[in-house]
C-alpha atoms as a PDB file:
ATOM      1  CA  MET A   1     177.496  40.686 229.723  1.00  0.00           C
ATOM      2  CA  ARG A   2     178.342  43.420 232.170  1.00  0.00           C
ATOM      3  CA  ALA A   3     176.238  46.435 232.504  1.00  0.00           C
ATOM      4  CA  PHE A   4     177.586  49.986 232.125  1.00  0.00           C
ATOM      5  CA  HIS A   5     177.937  52.043 235.347  1.00  0.00           C
ATOM      6  CA  PRO A   6     175.175  54.761 235.352  1.00  0.00           C
ATOM      7  CA  LEU A   7     177.723  57.627 235.174  1.00  0.00           C
ATOM      8  CA  VAL A   8     179.609  56.043 232.247  1.00  0.00           C
ATOM      9  CA  LEU A   9     176.277  55.548 230.475  1.00  0.00           C
ATOM     10  CA  SER A  10     175.142  59.079 230.897  1.00  0.00           C
ATOM     11  CA  ALA A  11     178.447  60.383 229.772  1.00  0.00           C
ATOM     12  CA  LEU A  12     178.169  58.177 226.666  1.00  0.00           C
ATOM     13  CA  LEU A  13     174.596  59.531 226.052  1.00  0.00           C
ATOM     14  CA  VAL A  14     175.704  63.150 226.478  1.00  0.00           C
ATOM     15  CA  ALA A  15     178.731  62.650 224.150  1.00  0.00           C
ATOM     16  CA  GLN A  16     176.413  61.058 221.534  1.00  0.00           C
ATOM     17  CA  SER A  17     173.849  63.871 221.900  1.00  0.00           C
ATOM     18  CA  ALA A  18     176.570  66.510 221.333  1.00  0.00           C
ATOM     19  CA  ALA A  19     177.878  64.648 218.327  1.00  0.00           C
ATOM     20  CA  ALA A  20     174.366  64.329 216.836  1.00  0.00           C
ATOM     21  CA  GLN A  21     173.771  67.977 217.415  1.00  0.00           C
ATOM     22  CA  MET A  22     176.956  68.856 215.602  1.00  0.00           C
ATOM     23  CA  ALA A  23     175.762  66.604 212.763  1.00  0.00           C
ATOM     24  CA  ASP A  24     172.514  68.447 212.734  1.00  0.00           C
ATOM     25  CA  LEU A  25     174.550  71.636 212.001  1.00  0.00           C
ATOM     26  CA  ASN A  26     175.877  70.308 208.523  1.00  0.00           C
ATOM     27  CA  GLY A  27     175.431  72.687 205.711  1.00  0.00           C
ATOM     28  CA  ALA A  28     176.166  76.245 204.585  1.00  0.00           C
ATOM     29  CA  TRP A  29     175.873  78.952 207.101  1.00  0.00           C
ATOM     30  CA  THR A  30     175.973  82.810 206.647  1.00  0.00           C
ATOM     31  CA  ASN A  31     175.335  85.926 208.713  1.00  0.00           C
ATOM     32  CA  ASP A  32     173.237  87.415 205.813  1.00  0.00           C
ATOM     33  CA  ALA A  33     170.559  85.210 204.502  1.00  0.00           C
ATOM     34  CA  SER A  34     170.042  87.357 201.454  1.00  0.00           C
ATOM     35  CA  ALA A  35     173.800  86.639 200.456  1.00  0.00           C
ATOM     36  CA  CYS A  36     173.597  82.916 200.252  1.00  0.00           C
ATOM     37  CA  SER A  37     174.005  82.652 196.564  1.00  0.00           C
ATOM     38  CA  GLN A  38     176.887  85.144 196.574  1.00  0.00           C
ATOM     39  CA  VAL A  39     178.597  83.230 199.301  1.00  0.00           C
ATOM     40  CA  PHE A  40     178.083  79.564 198.474  1.00  0.00           C
ATOM     41  CA  THR A  41     178.015  77.295 195.434  1.00  0.00           C
ATOM     42  CA  LYS A  42     177.959  73.605 194.825  1.00  0.00           C
ATOM     43  CA  LYS A  43     180.785  71.961 192.829  1.00  0.00           C
ATOM     44  CA  ASN A  44     180.164  68.303 192.010  1.00  0.00           C
ATOM     45  CA  SER A  45     177.401  68.171 194.527  1.00  0.00           C
ATOM     46  CA  GLU A  46     179.828  69.463 197.195  1.00  0.00           C
ATOM     47  CA  LEU A  47     179.348  72.773 199.059  1.00  0.00           C
ATOM     48  CA  ALA A  48     182.017  75.417 198.378  1.00  0.00           C
ATOM     49  CA  PHE A  49     182.581  79.077 198.596  1.00  0.00           C
ATOM     50  CA  GLN A  50     182.167  81.387 195.711  1.00  0.00           C
ATOM     51  CA  GLN A  51     185.391  83.037 194.648  1.00  0.00           C
ATOM     52  CA  ASP A  52     184.657  86.420 196.307  1.00  0.00           C
ATOM     53  CA  ALA A  53     182.581  85.181 199.117  1.00  0.00           C
ATOM     54  CA  ASP A  54     184.336  87.168 201.736  1.00  0.00           C
ATOM     55  CA  LEU A  55     183.396  90.389 199.966  1.00  0.00           C
ATOM     56  CA  HIS A  56     179.661  89.617 200.458  1.00  0.00           C
ATOM     57  CA  ALA A  57     179.156  88.146 203.881  1.00  0.00           C
ATOM     58  CA  GLY A  58     180.643  85.852 206.518  1.00  0.00           C
ATOM     59  CA  GLY A  59     180.121  82.111 206.112  1.00  0.00           C
ATOM     60  CA  LEU A  60     180.814  78.716 207.301  1.00  0.00           C
ATOM     61  CA  ILE A  61     180.568  75.214 205.835  1.00  0.00           C
ATOM     62  CA  VAL A  62     179.930  72.491 208.345  1.00  0.00           C
ATOM     63  CA  ARG A  63     180.614  68.797 207.411  1.00  0.00           C
ATOM     64  CA  GLY A  64     180.516  66.627 210.437  1.00  0.00           C
ATOM     65  CA  ARG A  65     183.632  67.594 212.597  1.00  0.00           C
ATOM     66  CA  GLN A  66     185.022  69.887 209.748  1.00  0.00           C
ATOM     67  CA  ILE A  67     184.105  73.555 209.928  1.00  0.00           C
ATOM     68  CA  THR A  68     185.544  75.725 207.047  1.00  0.00           C
ATOM     69  CA  GLY A  69     185.429  79.455 206.722  1.00  0.00           C
ATOM     70  CA  THR A  70     186.780  81.615 203.938  1.00  0.00           C
ATOM     71  CA  PHE A  71     190.070  82.044 205.794  1.00  0.00           C
ATOM     72  CA  GLN A  72     190.245  79.109 208.223  1.00  0.00           C
ATOM     73  CA  LYS A  73     189.770  75.381 208.360  1.00  0.00           C
ATOM     74  CA  CYS A  74     188.922  73.695 211.685  1.00  0.00           C
ATOM     75  CA  THR A  75     188.478  70.247 212.969  1.00  0.00           C
ATOM     76  CA  VAL A  76     186.405  69.752 216.105  1.00  0.00           C
ATOM     77  CA  LYS A  77     188.374  68.160 218.871  1.00  0.00           C
ATOM     78  CA  SER A  78     185.650  68.041 221.501  1.00  0.00           C
ATOM     79  CA  VAL A  79     182.058  68.879 222.026  1.00  0.00           C
ATOM     80  CA  HIS A  80     180.408  69.177 225.415  1.00  0.00           C
ATOM     81  CA  ASP A  81     176.679  69.558 225.815  1.00  0.00           C
ATOM     82  CA  GLU A  82     175.944  72.341 228.233  1.00  0.00           C
ATOM     83  CA  GLY A  83     172.186  72.210 228.047  1.00  0.00           C
ATOM     84  CA  ALA A  84     171.204  75.198 225.970  1.00  0.00           C
ATOM     85  CA  ALA A  85     174.531  75.226 224.187  1.00  0.00           C
ATOM     86  CA  LEU A  86     177.429  73.125 222.873  1.00  0.00           C
ATOM     87  CA  ARG A  87     180.891  74.067 224.105  1.00  0.00           C
ATOM     88  CA  VAL A  88     183.300  73.201 221.316  1.00  0.00           C
ATOM     89  CA  ILE A  89     187.092  73.197 220.985  1.00  0.00           C
ATOM     90  CA  ALA A  90     188.414  73.111 217.460  1.00  0.00           C
ATOM     91  CA  ALA A  91     191.910  72.972 216.035  1.00  0.00           C
ATOM     92  CA  CYS A  92     191.950  75.732 213.441  1.00  0.00           C
ATOM     93  CA  SER A  93     194.496  76.493 210.765  1.00  0.00           C
ATOM     94  CA  ASP A  94     194.779  79.748 208.720  1.00  0.00           C
ATOM     95  CA  GLY A  95     197.423  78.116 206.479  1.00  0.00           C
ATOM     96  CA  VAL A  96     200.308  79.350 208.622  1.00  0.00           C
ATOM     97  CA  ALA A  97     199.591  78.190 212.221  1.00  0.00           C
ATOM     98  CA  VAL A  98     197.233  75.833 213.972  1.00  0.00           C
ATOM     99  CA  SER A  99     195.595  76.819 217.211  1.00  0.00           C
ATOM    100  CA  ASP A 100     192.916  75.423 219.502  1.00  0.00           C
ATOM    101  CA  VAL A 101     189.842  77.706 219.400  1.00  0.00           C
ATOM    102  CA  PRO A 102     187.166  77.346 222.064  1.00  0.00           C
ATOM    103  CA  PHE A 103     183.651  78.624 221.158  1.00  0.00           C
ATOM    104  CA  GLU A 104     179.985  78.077 222.062  1.00  0.00           C
ATOM    105  CA  VAL A 105     177.213  77.068 219.648  1.00  0.00           C
ATOM    106  CA  LYS A 106     173.570  77.800 220.545  1.00  0.00           C
ATOM    107  CA  VAL A 107     170.864  76.522 218.166  1.00  0.00           C
ATOM    108  CA  THR A 108     168.305  79.183 218.217  1.00  0.00           C
ATOM    109  CA  GLY A 109     165.945  77.780 215.700  1.00  0.00           C
ATOM    110  CA  LYS A 110     165.533  75.120 212.942  1.00  0.00           C
ATOM    111  CA  ASN A 111     167.936  77.067 210.612  1.00  0.00           C
ATOM    112  CA  THR A 112     169.618  79.526 212.917  1.00  0.00           C
ATOM    113  CA  MET A 113     172.405  79.345 215.400  1.00  0.00           C
ATOM    114  CA  THR A 114     174.607  81.712 217.357  1.00  0.00           C
ATOM    115  CA  LEU A 115     178.409  81.334 217.570  1.00  0.00           C
ATOM    116  CA  SER A 116     180.083  83.036 220.430  1.00  0.00           C
ATOM    117  CA  SER A 117     183.710  83.233 221.736  1.00  0.00           C
ATOM    118  CA  LYS A 118     185.320  84.893 224.708  1.00  0.00           C
ATOM    119  CA  GLU A 119     188.848  84.724 223.261  1.00  0.00           C
ATOM    120  CA  PRO A 120     190.663  86.651 221.984  1.00  0.00           C
ATOM    121  CA  VAL A 121     187.980  89.255 221.966  1.00  0.00           C
ATOM    122  CA  PRO A 122     184.284  88.564 223.108  1.00  0.00           C
ATOM    123  CA  ILE A 123     182.158  88.137 219.969  1.00  0.00           C
ATOM    124  CA  GLU A 124     178.719  86.837 219.290  1.00  0.00           C
ATOM    125  CA  MET A 125     177.455  86.140 215.623  1.00  0.00           C
ATOM    126  CA  LEU A 126     173.999  84.969 214.410  1.00  0.00           C
ATOM    127  CA  TYR A 127     174.125  82.544 211.355  1.00  0.00           C
ATOM    128  CA  VAL A 128     171.368  81.304 209.158  1.00  0.00           C
ATOM    129  CA  ARG A 129     171.525  78.090 207.154  1.00  0.00           C
ATOM    130  CA  CYS A 130     171.443  78.603 203.334  1.00  0.00           C
ATOM    131  CA  PRO A 131     169.090  76.313 201.424  1.00  0.00           C
ATOM    132  CA  MET A 132     171.527  74.605 199.080  1.00  0.00           C
END
């Protein structure tokens, strides 16, 4: 059996580490912890948005490589571990068009993360995981 080249092995470990970190983000996330019950619900043991979720606070549902907001659905295409952050590129659809969206995820605590993007306008948002 042939051994992996050290660079290939380290690349595989980084890719697995980034994928594991994305899996650790599974759940319901909002930018207002007090609004969890107004933003999310469970239907047949699946997380879902309340009917008027966008009126109360922003939110995301992360399921593996799927990230769903109240207005967009995204599929993670690539994840790169940058040490303190994950650099993510996702194909996102608003129901009309699909576009690649680059953003950065920094896990800032057990149930907190910051999402930031430089395009189209620089933005940084803190999210907390809702207990569901």
